[in-house]
Amino acid sequence: MGTTAGAGALRLPGLHGYAVEFSPYCPGRAACAAAQYYGMAGCGTLAVLEQNEAGIVLLRSFDWNDGLFDVTWSENNENVLITCSGDGSLQIWDMAKTKGPLQVYKEHTLEAYSVDWSQTRGEQLVVSGSWDQTAKLWDPAVGKSLCTFKGHEGVIYSTIWSPHIPGCFASASGDQTLRIWDVKTPGVKLVIPAHQAEVLSCDWCKYDENLLVTGAVDCSLKGWDLRNIRQPVFVLLGHTYAIRRVKFSPFHATILASCSYDFTVRFWDFSKPNPLLETVEHHTEFTCGLDLSLHNRGQV
């Protein structure tokens, strides 16, 4: 991946990063959702970072009165982002404004841990997942949720839209399942007993609408084909603590990246006999957030 050569660092004293997302518009720009005291107390900060010749610089930052756990960029406005926080609320921010947030949606009754903006054209939909065991569907132009999805029997850690199928999203939960939902129907479409441990993260393959990956507390990554969920299509082993986030490459159909409480980021190619490509040990603490640039092939 060539990731180690051009590594840059920026310290945000007193803050712990939970999620990072590259801008779909501006190469080298990323947003980080962060919290004080590992998200257990204190405030949160949305930090917008940019990489230039000087390194990584802090472009903008916004504070919230509770820890921020996830962030997603708008798909129709390059300055707009949504975060979610420990108080159960979602916040909409506009980088063109000095203060914020523009709007706050407070419906979840426990920590809002995941938020994602749909990438399929023709719909502006946001999905959030919460420790209250529900996922909620939002239209950012509407002041309240459009729908609530119930079915998980544990905390929801991750909610991710399909990049292929409009109105379809996946959720990963502490109840050890991966679930597939369709916004046009209220019930769950598919329940996959993915791990015998809490599932902390999931992602969709960018090149195959039927392929997803899950990462769990059992230190394993598993690939799932929605057409046959009896067995995983691949299992990747190597992390030594829980896997916190996993993302498929936007450029390679069989490459993915994962980060973990073992302080590492690992790159994998599940098509190879020896799938582990690289282990990066830049961090000295839990590695919770991870993203791969849509613009720069080697940038993570």
Foldseek 3Di string as FASTA:
>chain_A
DPAPPQDFDDDDPQKDWFAKDAQPPDPQKMWTWIFGPRQPAFWIKIWIWGQDPVGIDTDAMAIGGGGWHYKEAFPPDRQWIWTFGQCQKIFICGNVDNYDDPAIEHDGRGGFHEKYFAPDPPDTKMWIFFQSQKIFIDRVVDRYTPAIAHDDPGGWQYKADQNPDPQKIWIFGQSQWIWIPGNVDRYTDDIANHDPGGWREKEAQLVDRQWMWIWGQVQKIFIAGNVDRPHTPFIDHDDPGGWQYKYHAPVDRQKIWTFFQSQWIWIFRRVDPNTTDDIDRPGPGGDNYDDQDPPDRNYD
